[in-house]
Amino acid sequence: MKDAMVSARVEYDVKTEAENILQKLGIPVSVVINSLYRQIIYRHGVPFSLTIPVEPKTLDTMSTAELDAKIQHSYEQSLAGAGRPYDQVFDELERGLA
């Protein structure tokens, strides 16, 4: 029986974007929250990694060997079709800067 309320303050844009996605999927917010709580109970912790991301190296801090390795890796990804279209990458970057 669902008889408890959860209240949390979140950023408006985050709430709106998440709710729009859930609406398109046909999933009520309460179902997602309930599922998250159940996973916390099941795993005895948060069901995803909470870490501070490592700041990527910039070109001026890389050695020539590191830069060459990155370029080679990117080239191999490109040949394998494993990359993403540049316009998609730039769109994502622009959304993150807005």
PDB file of N, CA and C in Angstrom:
ATOM      1  N   MET A   1       0.844  -1.180   0.000  1.00  0.00           N
ATOM      2  CA  MET A   1       0.000   0.000   0.000  1.00  0.00           C
ATOM      3  C   MET A   1       0.887   1.240   0.000  1.00  0.00           C
ATOM      4  N   LYS A   2       0.640   2.119  -0.923  1.00  0.00           N
ATOM      5  CA  LYS A   2       1.433   3.343  -1.022  1.00  0.00           C
ATOM      6  C   LYS A   2       0.821   4.397  -0.109  1.00  0.00           C
ATOM      7  N   ASP A   3       1.527   4.666   0.992  1.00  0.00           N
ATOM      8  CA  ASP A   3       0.970   5.613   1.960  1.00  0.00           C
ATOM      9  C   ASP A   3       1.998   6.622   2.478  1.00  0.00           C
ATOM     10  N   ALA A   4       3.132   6.755   1.788  1.00  0.00           N
ATOM     11  CA  ALA A   4       4.167   7.691   2.208  1.00  0.00           C
ATOM     12  C   ALA A   4       4.448   8.675   1.075  1.00  0.00           C
ATOM     13  N   MET A   5       4.785   9.899   1.454  1.00  0.00           N
ATOM     14  CA  MET A   5       5.108  10.937   0.475  1.00  0.00           C
ATOM     15  C   MET A   5       6.610  11.199   0.498  1.00  0.00           C
ATOM     16  N   VAL A   6       7.152  11.539  -0.658  1.00  0.00           N
ATOM     17  CA  VAL A   6       8.551  11.938  -0.785  1.00  0.00           C
ATOM     18  C   VAL A   6       8.540  13.351  -1.361  1.00  0.00           C
ATOM     19  N   SER A   7       9.316  14.229  -0.753  1.00  0.00           N
ATOM     20  CA  SER A   7       9.397  15.604  -1.237  1.00  0.00           C
ATOM     21  C   SER A   7      10.870  15.975  -1.383  1.00  0.00           C
ATOM     22  N   ALA A   8      11.218  16.524  -2.537  1.00  0.00           N
ATOM     23  CA  ALA A   8      12.605  16.918  -2.780  1.00  0.00           C
ATOM     24  C   ALA A   8      12.627  18.156  -3.664  1.00  0.00           C
ATOM     25  N   ARG A   9      13.597  19.007  -3.433  1.00  0.00           N
ATOM     26  CA  ARG A   9      13.767  20.189  -4.280  1.00  0.00           C
ATOM     27  C   ARG A   9      14.837  19.868  -5.330  1.00  0.00           C
ATOM     28  N   VAL A  10      14.486  20.100  -6.582  1.00  0.00           N
ATOM     29  CA  VAL A  10      15.411  19.869  -7.680  1.00  0.00           C
ATOM     30  C   VAL A  10      15.392  21.085  -8.603  1.00  0.00           C
ATOM     31  N   GLU A  11      16.396  21.176  -9.449  1.00  0.00           N
ATOM     32  CA  GLU A  11      16.446  22.265 -10.419  1.00  0.00           C
ATOM     33  C   GLU A  11      15.283  22.114 -11.397  1.00  0.00           C
ATOM     34  N   TYR A  12      14.656  23.237 -11.725  1.00  0.00           N
ATOM     35  CA  TYR A  12      13.484  23.227 -12.594  1.00  0.00           C
ATOM     36  C   TYR A  12      13.774  22.554 -13.931  1.00  0.00           C
ATOM     37  N   ASP A  13      14.903  22.918 -14.567  1.00  0.00           N
ATOM     38  CA  ASP A  13      15.235  22.367 -15.883  1.00  0.00           C
ATOM     39  C   ASP A  13      15.446  20.855 -15.824  1.00  0.00           C
ATOM     40  N   VAL A  14      16.084  20.386 -14.751  1.00  0.00           N
ATOM     41  CA  VAL A  14      16.325  18.948 -14.592  1.00  0.00           C
ATOM     42  C   VAL A  14      14.992  18.219 -14.446  1.00  0.00           C
ATOM     43  N   LYS A  15      14.127  18.760 -13.611  1.00  0.00           N
ATOM     44  CA  LYS A  15      12.805  18.157 -13.380  1.00  0.00           C
ATOM     45  C   LYS A  15      12.005  18.103 -14.682  1.00  0.00           C
ATOM     46  N   THR A  16      11.971  19.207 -15.397  1.00  0.00           N
ATOM     47  CA  THR A  16      11.193  19.284 -16.628  1.00  0.00           C
ATOM     48  C   THR A  16      11.707  18.314 -17.684  1.00  0.00           C
ATOM     49  N   GLU A  17      13.031  18.295 -17.880  1.00  0.00           N
ATOM     50  CA  GLU A  17      13.595  17.402 -18.893  1.00  0.00           C
ATOM     51  C   GLU A  17      13.349  15.938 -18.551  1.00  0.00           C
ATOM     52  N   ALA A  18      13.559  15.587 -17.288  1.00  0.00           N
ATOM     53  CA  ALA A  18      13.344  14.196 -16.870  1.00  0.00           C
ATOM     54  C   ALA A  18      11.878  13.806 -17.010  1.00  0.00           C
ATOM     55  N   GLU A  19      10.974  14.677 -16.589  1.00  0.00           N
ATOM     56  CA  GLU A  19       9.547  14.358 -16.679  1.00  0.00           C
ATOM     57  C   GLU A  19       9.079  14.250 -18.120  1.00  0.00           C
ATOM     58  N   ASN A  20       9.644  15.070 -19.003  1.00  0.00           N
ATOM     59  CA  ASN A  20       9.287  14.959 -20.427  1.00  0.00           C
ATOM     60  C   ASN A  20       9.704  13.605 -20.991  1.00  0.00           C
ATOM     61  N   ILE A  21      10.898  13.149 -20.621  1.00  0.00           N
ATOM     62  CA  ILE A  21      11.370  11.844 -21.089  1.00  0.00           C
ATOM     63  C   ILE A  21      10.484  10.733 -20.531  1.00  0.00           C
ATOM     64  N   LEU A  22      10.193  10.808 -19.241  1.00  0.00           N
ATOM     65  CA  LEU A  22       9.343   9.777 -18.630  1.00  0.00           C
ATOM     66  C   LEU A  22       7.951   9.764 -19.253  1.00  0.00           C
ATOM     67  N   GLN A  23       7.433  10.954 -19.578  1.00  0.00           N
ATOM     68  CA  GLN A  23       6.110  11.021 -20.207  1.00  0.00           C
ATOM     69  C   GLN A  23       6.135  10.332 -21.574  1.00  0.00           C
ATOM     70  N   LYS A  24       7.191  10.568 -22.345  1.00  0.00           N
ATOM     71  CA  LYS A  24       7.315   9.913 -23.653  1.00  0.00           C
ATOM     72  C   LYS A  24       7.407   8.400 -23.504  1.00  0.00           C
ATOM     73  N   LEU A  25       8.031   7.949 -22.413  1.00  0.00           N
ATOM     74  CA  LEU A  25       8.147   6.514 -22.159  1.00  0.00           C
ATOM     75  C   LEU A  25       6.876   5.935 -21.537  1.00  0.00           C
ATOM     76  N   GLY A  26       5.985   6.805 -21.097  1.00  0.00           N
ATOM     77  CA  GLY A  26       4.752   6.351 -20.467  1.00  0.00           C
ATOM     78  C   GLY A  26       4.957   5.836 -19.049  1.00  0.00           C
ATOM     79  N   ILE A  27       5.966   6.366 -18.371  1.00  0.00           N
ATOM     80  CA  ILE A  27       6.284   5.918 -17.013  1.00  0.00           C
ATOM     81  C   ILE A  27       6.033   7.056 -16.032  1.00  0.00           C
ATOM     82  N   PRO A  28       5.170   6.857 -15.043  1.00  0.00           N
ATOM     83  CA  PRO A  28       4.944   7.890 -14.038  1.00  0.00           C
ATOM     84  C   PRO A  28       6.188   8.119 -13.169  1.00  0.00           C
ATOM     85  N   VAL A  29       6.383   9.346 -12.743  1.00  0.00           N
ATOM     86  CA  VAL A  29       7.522   9.694 -11.897  1.00  0.00           C
ATOM     87  C   VAL A  29       7.529   8.833 -10.642  1.00  0.00           C
ATOM     88  N   SER A  30       6.367   8.594 -10.060  1.00  0.00           N
ATOM     89  CA  SER A  30       6.292   7.811  -8.823  1.00  0.00           C
ATOM     90  C   SER A  30       6.835   6.391  -9.017  1.00  0.00           C
ATOM     91  N   VAL A  31       6.637   5.823 -10.196  1.00  0.00           N
ATOM     92  CA  VAL A  31       7.148   4.477 -10.475  1.00  0.00           C
ATOM     93  C   VAL A  31       8.678   4.495 -10.486  1.00  0.00           C
ATOM     94  N   VAL A  32       9.267   5.536 -11.067  1.00  0.00           N
ATOM     95  CA  VAL A  32      10.729   5.641 -11.118  1.00  0.00           C
ATOM     96  C   VAL A  32      11.297   5.829  -9.713  1.00  0.00           C
ATOM     97  N   ILE A  33      10.677   6.697  -8.930  1.00  0.00           N
ATOM     98  CA  ILE A  33      11.149   6.923  -7.556  1.00  0.00           C
ATOM     99  C   ILE A  33      11.026   5.647  -6.739  1.00  0.00           C
ATOM    100  N   ASN A  34       9.900   4.970  -6.849  1.00  0.00           N
ATOM    101  CA  ASN A  34       9.704   3.721  -6.120  1.00  0.00           C
ATOM    102  C   ASN A  34      10.734   2.676  -6.548  1.00  0.00           C
ATOM    103  N   SER A  35      11.024   2.611  -7.858  1.00  0.00           N
ATOM    104  CA  SER A  35      12.027   1.666  -8.366  1.00  0.00           C
ATOM    105  C   SER A  35      13.416   2.001  -7.832  1.00  0.00           C
ATOM    106  N   LEU A  36      13.751   3.287  -7.794  1.00  0.00           N
ATOM    107  CA  LEU A  36      15.040   3.707  -7.255  1.00  0.00           C
ATOM    108  C   LEU A  36      15.152   3.292  -5.787  1.00  0.00           C
ATOM    109  N   TYR A  37      14.137   3.559  -5.000  1.00  0.00           N
ATOM    110  CA  TYR A  37      14.156   3.183  -3.582  1.00  0.00           C
ATOM    111  C   TYR A  37      14.318   1.675  -3.417  1.00  0.00           C
ATOM    112  N   ARG A  38      13.626   0.892  -4.247  1.00  0.00           N
ATOM    113  CA  ARG A  38      13.741  -0.562  -4.158  1.00  0.00           C
ATOM    114  C   ARG A  38      15.149  -1.030  -4.501  1.00  0.00           C
ATOM    115  N   GLN A  39      15.785  -0.394  -5.495  1.00  0.00           N
ATOM    116  CA  GLN A  39      17.158  -0.743  -5.852  1.00  0.00           C
ATOM    117  C   GLN A  39      18.130  -0.370  -4.732  1.00  0.00           C
ATOM    118  N   ILE A  40      17.890   0.744  -4.069  1.00  0.00           N
ATOM    119  CA  ILE A  40      18.726   1.132  -2.926  1.00  0.00           C
ATOM    120  C   ILE A  40      18.635   0.070  -1.839  1.00  0.00           C
ATOM    121  N   ILE A  41      17.435  -0.401  -1.571  1.00  0.00           N
ATOM    122  CA  ILE A  41      17.236  -1.451  -0.572  1.00  0.00           C
ATOM    123  C   ILE A  41      17.920  -2.744  -1.024  1.00  0.00           C
ATOM    124  N   TYR A  42      17.694  -3.132  -2.268  1.00  0.00           N
ATOM    125  CA  TYR A  42      18.240  -4.379  -2.805  1.00  0.00           C
ATOM    126  C   TYR A  42      19.761  -4.389  -2.774  1.00  0.00           C
ATOM    127  N   ARG A  43      20.379  -3.267  -3.145  1.00  0.00           N
ATOM    128  CA  ARG A  43      21.835  -3.191  -3.240  1.00  0.00           C
ATOM    129  C   ARG A  43      22.509  -2.678  -1.970  1.00  0.00           C
ATOM    130  N   HIS A  44      21.678  -2.251  -1.031  1.00  0.00           N
ATOM    131  CA  HIS A  44      22.209  -1.646   0.202  1.00  0.00           C
ATOM    132  C   HIS A  44      23.103  -0.451  -0.118  1.00  0.00           C
ATOM    133  N   GLY A  45      22.689   0.326  -1.089  1.00  0.00           N
ATOM    134  CA  GLY A  45      23.429   1.507  -1.504  1.00  0.00           C
ATOM    135  C   GLY A  45      22.834   2.086  -2.770  1.00  0.00           C
ATOM    136  N   VAL A  46      23.421   3.149  -3.242  1.00  0.00           N
ATOM    137  CA  VAL A  46      22.957   3.802  -4.459  1.00  0.00           C
ATOM    138  C   VAL A  46      23.285   2.901  -5.652  1.00  0.00           C
ATOM    139  N   PRO A  47      22.328   2.675  -6.554  1.00  0.00           N
ATOM    140  CA  PRO A  47      22.528   1.716  -7.642  1.00  0.00           C
ATOM    141  C   PRO A  47      23.330   2.242  -8.837  1.00  0.00           C
ATOM    142  N   PHE A  48      24.088   3.268  -8.635  1.00  0.00           N
ATOM    143  CA  PHE A  48      24.971   3.773  -9.688  1.00  0.00           C
ATOM    144  C   PHE A  48      26.169   4.425  -9.026  1.00  0.00           C
ATOM    145  N   SER A  49      27.208   4.611  -9.788  1.00  0.00           N
ATOM    146  CA  SER A  49      28.456   5.136  -9.258  1.00  0.00           C
ATOM    147  C   SER A  49      28.349   6.628  -8.965  1.00  0.00           C
ATOM    148  N   LEU A  50      28.782   7.016  -7.783  1.00  0.00           N
ATOM    149  CA  LEU A  50      28.853   8.429  -7.419  1.00  0.00           C
ATOM    150  C   LEU A  50      30.321   8.775  -7.223  1.00  0.00           C
ATOM    151  N   THR A  51      30.928   9.268  -8.278  1.00  0.00           N
ATOM    152  CA  THR A  51      32.349   9.587  -8.232  1.00  0.00           C
ATOM    153  C   THR A  51      32.583  10.967  -8.825  1.00  0.00           C
ATOM    154  N   ILE A  52      33.684  11.537  -8.477  1.00  0.00           N
ATOM    155  CA  ILE A  52      34.085  12.799  -9.081  1.00  0.00           C
ATOM    156  C   ILE A  52      34.825  12.444 -10.367  1.00  0.00           C
ATOM    157  N   PRO A  53      34.340  12.949 -11.507  1.00  0.00           N
ATOM    158  CA  PRO A  53      34.984  12.579 -12.763  1.00  0.00           C
ATOM    159  C   PRO A  53      36.400  13.134 -12.834  1.00  0.00           C
ATOM    160  N   VAL A  54      37.255  12.381 -13.489  1.00  0.00           N
ATOM    161  CA  VAL A  54      38.624  12.811 -13.700  1.00  0.00           C
ATOM    162  C   VAL A  54      38.606  13.881 -14.783  1.00  0.00           C
ATOM    163  N   GLU A  55      39.263  14.980 -14.505  1.00  0.00           N
ATOM    164  CA  GLU A  55      39.300  16.058 -15.490  1.00  0.00           C
ATOM    165  C   GLU A  55      40.154  15.615 -16.672  1.00  0.00           C
ATOM    166  N   PRO A  56      39.612  15.744 -17.884  1.00  0.00           N
ATOM    167  CA  PRO A  56      40.387  15.293 -19.050  1.00  0.00           C
ATOM    168  C   PRO A  56      41.652  16.136 -19.237  1.00  0.00           C
ATOM    169  N   LYS A  57      42.670  15.487 -19.759  1.00  0.00           N
ATOM    170  CA  LYS A  57      43.913  16.199 -20.039  1.00  0.00           C
ATOM    171  C   LYS A  57      43.711  17.137 -21.218  1.00  0.00           C
ATOM    172  N   THR A  58      44.374  18.251 -21.175  1.00  0.00           N
ATOM    173  CA  THR A  58      44.342  19.174 -22.299  1.00  0.00           C
ATOM    174  C   THR A  58      45.569  18.938 -23.165  1.00  0.00           C
ATOM    175  N   LEU A  59      45.502  19.428 -24.377  1.00  0.00           N
ATOM    176  CA  LEU A  59      46.582  19.229 -25.339  1.00  0.00           C
ATOM    177  C   LEU A  59      47.927  19.687 -24.789  1.00  0.00           C
ATOM    178  N   ASP A  60      47.941  20.803 -24.063  1.00  0.00           N
ATOM    179  CA  ASP A  60      49.206  21.328 -23.564  1.00  0.00           C
ATOM    180  C   ASP A  60      49.789  20.527 -22.402  1.00  0.00           C
ATOM    181  N   THR A  61      49.012  19.606 -21.834  1.00  0.00           N
ATOM    182  CA  THR A  61      49.535  18.773 -20.738  1.00  0.00           C
ATOM    183  C   THR A  61      49.877  17.359 -21.195  1.00  0.00           C
ATOM    184  N   MET A  62      49.570  17.025 -22.466  1.00  0.00           N
ATOM    185  CA  MET A  62      49.844  15.681 -22.985  1.00  0.00           C
ATOM    186  C   MET A  62      51.246  15.602 -23.580  1.00  0.00           C
ATOM    187  N   SER A  63      51.836  14.442 -23.431  1.00  0.00           N
ATOM    188  CA  SER A  63      53.110  14.197 -24.117  1.00  0.00           C
ATOM    189  C   SER A  63      52.797  13.872 -25.578  1.00  0.00           C
ATOM    190  N   THR A  64      53.794  13.911 -26.400  1.00  0.00           N
ATOM    191  CA  THR A  64      53.621  13.567 -27.809  1.00  0.00           C
ATOM    192  C   THR A  64      53.120  12.132 -27.953  1.00  0.00           C
ATOM    193  N   ALA A  65      53.638  11.227 -27.125  1.00  0.00           N
ATOM    194  CA  ALA A  65      53.216   9.819 -27.180  1.00  0.00           C
ATOM    195  C   ALA A  65      51.739   9.677 -26.803  1.00  0.00           C
ATOM    196  N   GLU A  66      51.301  10.417 -25.762  1.00  0.00           N
ATOM    197  CA  GLU A  66      49.882  10.358 -25.358  1.00  0.00           C
ATOM    198  C   GLU A  66      48.986  10.892 -26.465  1.00  0.00           C
ATOM    199  N   LEU A  67      49.369  11.996 -27.069  1.00  0.00           N
ATOM    200  CA  LEU A  67      48.571  12.572 -28.153  1.00  0.00           C
ATOM    201  C   LEU A  67      48.525  11.615 -29.342  1.00  0.00           C
ATOM    202  N   ASP A  68      49.663  11.043 -29.710  1.00  0.00           N
ATOM    203  CA  ASP A  68      49.692  10.086 -30.811  1.00  0.00           C
ATOM    204  C   ASP A  68      48.788   8.884 -30.531  1.00  0.00           C
ATOM    205  N   ALA A  69      48.807   8.394 -29.293  1.00  0.00           N
ATOM    206  CA  ALA A  69      47.968   7.248 -28.918  1.00  0.00           C
ATOM    207  C   ALA A  69      46.487   7.605 -29.025  1.00  0.00           C
ATOM    208  N   LYS A  70      46.123   8.804 -28.599  1.00  0.00           N
ATOM    209  CA  LYS A  70      44.721   9.236 -28.688  1.00  0.00           C
ATOM    210  C   LYS A  70      44.281   9.366 -30.143  1.00  0.00           C
ATOM    211  N   ILE A  71      45.138   9.943 -30.965  1.00  0.00           N
ATOM    212  CA  ILE A  71      44.814  10.092 -32.388  1.00  0.00           C
ATOM    213  C   ILE A  71      44.673   8.721 -33.039  1.00  0.00           C
ATOM    214  N   GLN A  72      45.579   7.797 -32.731  1.00  0.00           N
ATOM    215  CA  GLN A  72      45.517   6.444 -33.285  1.00  0.00           C
ATOM    216  C   GLN A  72      44.229   5.745 -32.850  1.00  0.00           C
ATOM    217  N   HIS A  73      43.883   5.865 -31.568  1.00  0.00           N
ATOM    218  CA  HIS A  73      42.655   5.256 -31.047  1.00  0.00           C
ATOM    219  C   HIS A  73      41.436   5.824 -31.772  1.00  0.00           C
ATOM    220  N   SER A  74      41.398   7.144 -31.942  1.00  0.00           N
ATOM    221  CA  SER A  74      40.276   7.782 -32.630  1.00  0.00           C
ATOM    222  C   SER A  74      40.176   7.335 -34.079  1.00  0.00           C
ATOM    223  N   TYR A  75      41.326   7.197 -34.726  1.00  0.00           N
ATOM    224  CA  TYR A  75      41.362   6.738 -36.114  1.00  0.00           C
ATOM    225  C   TYR A  75      40.803   5.319 -36.216  1.00  0.00           C
ATOM    226  N   GLU A  76      41.212   4.452 -35.295  1.00  0.00           N
ATOM    227  CA  GLU A  76      40.715   3.070 -35.294  1.00  0.00           C
ATOM    228  C   GLU A  76      39.213   3.023 -35.035  1.00  0.00           C
ATOM    229  N   GLN A  77      38.738   3.871 -34.129  1.00  0.00           N
ATOM    230  CA  GLN A  77      37.292   3.941 -33.871  1.00  0.00           C
ATOM    231  C   GLN A  77      36.548   4.371 -35.136  1.00  0.00           C
ATOM    232  N   SER A  78      37.103   5.339 -35.828  1.00  0.00           N
ATOM    233  CA  SER A  78      36.486   5.842 -37.050  1.00  0.00           C
ATOM    234  C   SER A  78      36.383   4.744 -38.100  1.00  0.00           C
ATOM    235  N   LEU A  79      37.462   3.999 -38.282  1.00  0.00           N
ATOM    236  CA  LEU A  79      37.454   2.906 -39.257  1.00  0.00           C
ATOM    237  C   LEU A  79      36.442   1.829 -38.893  1.00  0.00           C
ATOM    238  N   ALA A  80      36.253   1.610 -37.588  1.00  0.00           N
ATOM    239  CA  ALA A  80      35.320   0.579 -37.116  1.00  0.00           C
ATOM    240  C   ALA A  80      33.882   1.085 -37.073  1.00  0.00           C
ATOM    241  N   GLY A  81      33.681   2.368 -37.378  1.00  0.00           N
ATOM    242  CA  GLY A  81      32.330   2.933 -37.316  1.00  0.00           C
ATOM    243  C   GLY A  81      31.820   3.107 -35.900  1.00  0.00           C
ATOM    244  N   ALA A  82      32.748   3.183 -34.935  1.00  0.00           N
ATOM    245  CA  ALA A  82      32.357   3.263 -33.524  1.00  0.00           C
ATOM    246  C   ALA A  82      32.221   4.695 -33.019  1.00  0.00           C
ATOM    247  N   GLY A  83      32.514   5.649 -33.857  1.00  0.00           N
ATOM    248  CA  GLY A  83      32.426   7.045 -33.426  1.00  0.00           C
ATOM    249  C   GLY A  83      31.003   7.574 -33.518  1.00  0.00           C
ATOM    250  N   ARG A  84      30.869   8.850 -33.192  1.00  0.00           N
ATOM    251  CA  ARG A  84      29.574   9.514 -33.303  1.00  0.00           C
ATOM    252  C   ARG A  84      29.719  10.680 -34.270  1.00  0.00           C
ATOM    253  N   PRO A  85      28.651  11.040 -34.965  1.00  0.00           N
ATOM    254  CA  PRO A  85      28.723  12.182 -35.879  1.00  0.00           C
ATOM    255  C   PRO A  85      29.094  13.464 -35.114  1.00  0.00           C
ATOM    256  N   TYR A  86      29.961  14.266 -35.719  1.00  0.00           N
ATOM    257  CA  TYR A  86      30.449  15.459 -35.032  1.00  0.00           C
ATOM    258  C   TYR A  86      29.327  16.412 -34.676  1.00  0.00           C
ATOM    259  N   ASP A  87      28.271  16.505 -35.514  1.00  0.00           N
ATOM    260  CA  ASP A  87      27.188  17.438 -35.202  1.00  0.00           C
ATOM    261  C   ASP A  87      26.444  17.007 -33.932  1.00  0.00           C
ATOM    262  N   GLN A  88      26.338  15.702 -33.699  1.00  0.00           N
ATOM    263  CA  GLN A  88      25.710  15.203 -32.474  1.00  0.00           C
ATOM    264  C   GLN A  88      26.560  15.567 -31.261  1.00  0.00           C
ATOM    265  N   VAL A  89      27.864  15.412 -31.375  1.00  0.00           N
ATOM    266  CA  VAL A  89      28.774  15.738 -30.285  1.00  0.00           C
ATOM    267  C   VAL A  89      28.689  17.223 -29.973  1.00  0.00           C
ATOM    268  N   PHE A  90      28.730  18.077 -31.001  1.00  0.00           N
ATOM    269  CA  PHE A  90      28.675  19.512 -30.770  1.00  0.00           C
ATOM    270  C   PHE A  90      27.326  19.943 -30.198  1.00  0.00           C
ATOM    271  N   ASP A  91      26.230  19.314 -30.637  1.00  0.00           N
ATOM    272  CA  ASP A  91      24.914  19.613 -30.058  1.00  0.00           C
ATOM    273  C   ASP A  91      24.900  19.309 -28.565  1.00  0.00           C
ATOM    274  N   GLU A  92      25.475  18.178 -28.172  1.00  0.00           N
ATOM    275  CA  GLU A  92      25.538  17.803 -26.760  1.00  0.00           C
ATOM    276  C   GLU A  92      26.401  18.791 -25.971  1.00  0.00           C
ATOM    277  N   LEU A  93      27.516  19.188 -26.559  1.00  0.00           N
ATOM    278  CA  LEU A  93      28.380  20.172 -25.895  1.00  0.00           C
ATOM    279  C   LEU A  93      27.654  21.497 -25.704  1.00  0.00           C
ATOM    280  N   GLU A  94      26.950  21.946 -26.720  1.00  0.00           N
ATOM    281  CA  GLU A  94      26.219  23.211 -26.615  1.00  0.00           C
ATOM    282  C   GLU A  94      25.118  23.139 -25.566  1.00  0.00           C
ATOM    283  N   ARG A  95      24.431  22.013 -25.471  1.00  0.00           N
ATOM    284  CA  ARG A  95      23.386  21.869 -24.443  1.00  0.00           C
ATOM    285  C   ARG A  95      24.005  21.953 -23.052  1.00  0.00           C
ATOM    286  N   GLY A  96      25.197  21.413 -22.905  1.00  0.00           N
ATOM    287  CA  GLY A  96      25.867  21.438 -21.614  1.00  0.00           C
ATOM    288  C   GLY A  96      26.364  22.815 -21.227  1.00  0.00           C
ATOM    289  N   LEU A  97      26.569  23.680 -22.202  1.00  0.00           N
ATOM    290  CA  LEU A  97      27.068  25.029 -21.931  1.00  0.00           C
ATOM    291  C   LEU A  97      25.949  26.028 -21.707  1.00  0.00           C
ATOM    292  N   ALA A  98      24.743  25.661 -22.083  1.00  0.00           N
ATOM    293  CA  ALA A  98      23.608  26.602 -21.968  1.00  0.00           C
ATOM    294  C   ALA A  98      23.149  26.761 -20.538  1.00  0.00           C
TER     295      ALA A  98
END
